Amino acid sequence: MSVVDTRNISRDSLFLLAEIRLEGSASEFRVKVRNLSAGGMMAEGAVPVVPGNRLKISLRNIGWIDGCVAWVQENRFGIAFDLEINPKLVRAPLDSDQSVSGAHRQFVRSHTARFGGQTGQPGKLRNL
């Protein structure tokens, strides 16, 4: 851990899943997020990390964040984010333009379909 003591920083206890990518590896690991603050988080999972490892973590409604492993204790480890986040966004419902994977297709009824198009037949939803 760094010289700066961050234990007095406010953090939320919660339980959600996130994806981690270790630097230099194409593999992704699913972890449980045990607590979260603007500057970091505690994760739990079978991820082969040691303090100092660089990684990216995908958090709901935020996306991929760069960070560094600060400490490891059994299957739990701390991650210090490179940039601060708003941890309240993670608790919010999923963005309407985003799903867990970040790739969401929006289905809407087109103006033409709504009024039966050129054929006068009821229209179907189209993929935008």
C-alpha atoms as a PDB file:
ATOM      1  CA  MET A   1       0.000   0.000   0.000  1.00  0.00           C
ATOM      2  CA  SER A   2       1.140   3.573  -0.499  1.00  0.00           C
ATOM      3  CA  VAL A   3       2.499   5.867   2.150  1.00  0.00           C
ATOM      4  CA  VAL A   4      -0.860   7.668   2.298  1.00  0.00           C
ATOM      5  CA  ASP A   5      -3.349   6.049   4.681  1.00  0.00           C
ATOM      6  CA  THR A   6      -6.767   5.894   3.003  1.00  0.00           C
ATOM      7  CA  ARG A   7      -8.679   3.845   5.599  1.00  0.00           C
ATOM      8  CA  ASN A   8     -10.614   6.936   6.748  1.00  0.00           C
ATOM      9  CA  ILE A   9     -12.095   7.538   3.261  1.00  0.00           C
ATOM     10  CA  SER A  10     -15.843   6.907   3.051  1.00  0.00           C
ATOM     11  CA  ARG A  11     -16.697   3.619   1.315  1.00  0.00           C
ATOM     12  CA  ASP A  12     -19.914   1.764   0.544  1.00  0.00           C
ATOM     13  CA  SER A  13     -20.352  -1.852   1.539  1.00  0.00           C
ATOM     14  CA  LEU A  14     -22.161  -3.655  -1.233  1.00  0.00           C
ATOM     15  CA  PHE A  15     -22.288  -6.850  -3.183  1.00  0.00           C
ATOM     16  CA  LEU A  16     -22.121  -6.828  -6.955  1.00  0.00           C
ATOM     17  CA  LEU A  17     -20.143  -8.524  -9.680  1.00  0.00           C
ATOM     18  CA  ALA A  18     -17.459  -6.932 -11.853  1.00  0.00           C
ATOM     19  CA  GLU A  19     -14.989  -8.038 -14.509  1.00  0.00           C
ATOM     20  CA  ILE A  20     -11.200  -7.669 -14.183  1.00  0.00           C
ATOM     21  CA  ARG A  21      -8.517  -7.798 -16.876  1.00  0.00           C
ATOM     22  CA  LEU A  22      -4.921  -8.107 -15.763  1.00  0.00           C
ATOM     23  CA  GLU A  23      -2.397  -6.072 -17.733  1.00  0.00           C
ATOM     24  CA  GLY A  24      -0.728  -8.254 -20.355  1.00  0.00           C
ATOM     25  CA  SER A  25      -3.459 -10.898 -20.234  1.00  0.00           C
ATOM     26  CA  ALA A  26      -6.447 -11.431 -22.498  1.00  0.00           C
ATOM     27  CA  SER A  27      -8.329 -13.322 -19.778  1.00  0.00           C
ATOM     28  CA  GLU A  28     -11.144 -11.779 -17.787  1.00  0.00           C
ATOM     29  CA  PHE A  29     -11.992 -12.716 -14.220  1.00  0.00           C
ATOM     30  CA  ARG A  30     -15.315 -12.209 -12.474  1.00  0.00           C
ATOM     31  CA  VAL A  31     -15.017 -10.849  -8.940  1.00  0.00           C
ATOM     32  CA  LYS A  32     -17.350  -9.812  -6.151  1.00  0.00           C
ATOM     33  CA  VAL A  33     -17.095  -6.155  -5.178  1.00  0.00           C
ATOM     34  CA  ARG A  34     -17.188  -6.073  -1.379  1.00  0.00           C
ATOM     35  CA  ASN A  35     -16.761  -2.345  -0.816  1.00  0.00           C
ATOM     36  CA  LEU A  36     -16.258   0.677  -3.005  1.00  0.00           C
ATOM     37  CA  SER A  37     -15.043   4.245  -2.613  1.00  0.00           C
ATOM     38  CA  ALA A  38     -14.148   7.041  -4.997  1.00  0.00           C
ATOM     39  CA  GLY A  39     -10.498   5.970  -4.946  1.00  0.00           C
ATOM     40  CA  GLY A  40     -10.668   2.185  -4.851  1.00  0.00           C
ATOM     41  CA  MET A  41     -12.397  -1.025  -3.925  1.00  0.00           C
ATOM     42  CA  MET A  42     -12.062  -4.414  -2.276  1.00  0.00           C
ATOM     43  CA  ALA A  43     -12.636  -7.378  -4.589  1.00  0.00           C
ATOM     44  CA  GLU A  44     -13.049 -11.064  -3.826  1.00  0.00           C
ATOM     45  CA  GLY A  45     -12.300 -13.854  -6.269  1.00  0.00           C
ATOM     46  CA  ALA A  46      -9.794 -16.379  -7.576  1.00  0.00           C
ATOM     47  CA  VAL A  47      -7.582 -13.916  -9.433  1.00  0.00           C
ATOM     48  CA  PRO A  48      -3.798 -14.479  -9.529  1.00  0.00           C
ATOM     49  CA  VAL A  49      -2.721 -11.005  -8.348  1.00  0.00           C
ATOM     50  CA  VAL A  50       0.101  -9.597  -6.264  1.00  0.00           C
ATOM     51  CA  PRO A  51       0.517  -6.046  -4.959  1.00  0.00           C
ATOM     52  CA  GLY A  52       1.598  -3.763  -7.757  1.00  0.00           C
ATOM     53  CA  ASN A  53      -0.213  -5.602 -10.590  1.00  0.00           C
ATOM     54  CA  ARG A  54      -1.830  -3.229 -13.087  1.00  0.00           C
ATOM     55  CA  LEU A  55      -5.388  -4.049 -14.158  1.00  0.00           C
ATOM     56  CA  LYS A  56      -8.656  -2.766 -15.543  1.00  0.00           C
ATOM     57  CA  ILE A  57     -11.984  -3.285 -13.836  1.00  0.00           C
ATOM     58  CA  SER A  58     -15.435  -2.913 -15.372  1.00  0.00           C
ATOM     59  CA  LEU A  59     -18.019  -1.437 -13.017  1.00  0.00           C
ATOM     60  CA  ARG A  60     -21.712  -1.130 -13.799  1.00  0.00           C
ATOM     61  CA  ASN A  61     -22.730   2.316 -15.156  1.00  0.00           C
ATOM     62  CA  ILE A  62     -19.088   3.449 -15.144  1.00  0.00           C
ATOM     63  CA  GLY A  63     -17.220   1.167 -17.531  1.00  0.00           C
ATOM     64  CA  TRP A  64     -13.546   0.186 -17.536  1.00  0.00           C
ATOM     65  CA  ILE A  65     -11.283   1.830 -14.954  1.00  0.00           C
ATOM     66  CA  ASP A  66      -7.495   1.529 -14.703  1.00  0.00           C
ATOM     67  CA  GLY A  67      -6.027   0.622 -11.353  1.00  0.00           C
ATOM     68  CA  CYS A  68      -3.346  -1.118  -9.331  1.00  0.00           C
ATOM     69  CA  VAL A  69      -3.503  -3.923  -6.761  1.00  0.00           C
ATOM     70  CA  ALA A  70      -2.727  -2.345  -3.379  1.00  0.00           C
ATOM     71  CA  TRP A  71      -2.871  -5.440  -1.132  1.00  0.00           C
ATOM     72  CA  VAL A  72      -3.787  -9.136  -1.216  1.00  0.00           C
ATOM     73  CA  GLN A  73      -5.124 -11.330   1.587  1.00  0.00           C
ATOM     74  CA  GLU A  74      -6.184 -14.853   0.573  1.00  0.00           C
ATOM     75  CA  ASN A  75      -8.864 -14.415  -2.133  1.00  0.00           C
ATOM     76  CA  ARG A  76      -9.541 -10.734  -1.331  1.00  0.00           C
ATOM     77  CA  PHE A  77      -7.542  -7.801  -2.631  1.00  0.00           C
ATOM     78  CA  GLY A  78      -7.638  -4.027  -2.711  1.00  0.00           C
ATOM     79  CA  ILE A  79      -7.533  -1.985  -5.901  1.00  0.00           C
ATOM     80  CA  ALA A  80      -6.485   1.665  -6.028  1.00  0.00           C
ATOM     81  CA  PHE A  81      -8.077   3.445  -9.009  1.00  0.00           C
ATOM     82  CA  ASP A  82      -5.924   5.736 -11.167  1.00  0.00           C
ATOM     83  CA  LEU A  83      -8.766   8.283 -11.286  1.00  0.00           C
ATOM     84  CA  GLU A  84     -11.552   8.875  -8.797  1.00  0.00           C
ATOM     85  CA  ILE A  85     -15.049   7.675  -9.652  1.00  0.00           C
ATOM     86  CA  ASN A  86     -18.528   8.442  -8.363  1.00  0.00           C
ATOM     87  CA  PRO A  87     -19.378   5.242  -6.443  1.00  0.00           C
ATOM     88  CA  LYS A  88     -23.079   6.175  -6.303  1.00  0.00           C
ATOM     89  CA  LEU A  89     -23.320   5.562 -10.055  1.00  0.00           C
ATOM     90  CA  VAL A  90     -22.607   1.861  -9.510  1.00  0.00           C
ATOM     91  CA  ARG A  91     -25.688   1.525  -7.281  1.00  0.00           C
ATOM     92  CA  ALA A  92     -27.952   3.300  -9.783  1.00  0.00           C
ATOM     93  CA  PRO A  93     -30.124   1.293 -12.176  1.00  0.00           C
ATOM     94  CA  LEU A  94     -28.441   0.397 -15.463  1.00  0.00           C
ATOM     95  CA  ASP A  95     -28.203   3.223 -17.949  1.00  0.00           C
ATOM     96  CA  SER A  96     -30.842   2.931 -20.676  1.00  0.00           C
ATOM     97  CA  ASP A  97     -28.080   2.922 -23.322  1.00  0.00           C
ATOM     98  CA  GLN A  98     -25.961   0.304 -21.578  1.00  0.00           C
ATOM     99  CA  SER A  99     -26.198  -3.270 -20.358  1.00  0.00           C
ATOM    100  CA  VAL A 100     -23.811  -5.270 -18.210  1.00  0.00           C
ATOM    101  CA  SER A 101     -21.635  -5.997 -21.230  1.00  0.00           C
ATOM    102  CA  GLY A 102     -21.782  -2.370 -22.359  1.00  0.00           C
ATOM    103  CA  ALA A 103     -23.238  -3.339 -25.745  1.00  0.00           C
ATOM    104  CA  HIS A 104     -26.973  -2.740 -25.842  1.00  0.00           C
ATOM    105  CA  ARG A 105     -29.188  -2.512 -28.867  1.00  0.00           C
ATOM    106  CA  GLN A 106     -32.104  -0.171 -28.603  1.00  0.00           C
ATOM    107  CA  PHE A 107     -35.351  -1.289 -30.214  1.00  0.00           C
ATOM    108  CA  VAL A 108     -37.790   1.432 -31.166  1.00  0.00           C
ATOM    109  CA  ARG A 109     -40.871   1.679 -33.308  1.00  0.00           C
ATOM    110  CA  SER A 110     -40.170   3.806 -36.358  1.00  0.00           C
ATOM    111  CA  HIS A 111     -42.530   6.578 -37.450  1.00  0.00           C
ATOM    112  CA  THR A 112     -43.384   4.588 -40.587  1.00  0.00           C
ATOM    113  CA  ALA A 113     -44.020   1.383 -38.639  1.00  0.00           C
ATOM    114  CA  ARG A 114     -46.202   3.188 -36.099  1.00  0.00           C
ATOM    115  CA  PHE A 115     -48.602   4.281 -38.827  1.00  0.00           C
ATOM    116  CA  GLY A 116     -48.530   1.125 -40.904  1.00  0.00           C
ATOM    117  CA  GLY A 117     -45.856   2.168 -43.390  1.00  0.00           C
ATOM    118  CA  GLN A 118     -46.562   2.228 -47.085  1.00  0.00           C
ATOM    119  CA  THR A 119     -48.582  -0.984 -47.025  1.00  0.00           C
ATOM    120  CA  GLY A 120     -51.062   0.098 -44.346  1.00  0.00           C
ATOM    121  CA  GLN A 121     -50.153  -3.063 -42.374  1.00  0.00           C
ATOM    122  CA  PRO A 122     -49.214  -2.723 -38.700  1.00  0.00           C
ATOM    123  CA  GLY A 123     -45.463  -2.264 -38.529  1.00  0.00           C
ATOM    124  CA  LYS A 124     -42.909  -4.286 -36.640  1.00  0.00           C
ATOM    125  CA  LEU A 125     -40.169  -3.044 -34.368  1.00  0.00           C
ATOM    126  CA  ARG A 126     -36.926  -2.405 -36.142  1.00  0.00           C
ATOM    127  CA  ASN A 127     -33.413  -2.693 -34.827  1.00  0.00           C
ATOM    128  CA  LEU A 128     -31.545   0.629 -34.768  1.00  0.00           C
END
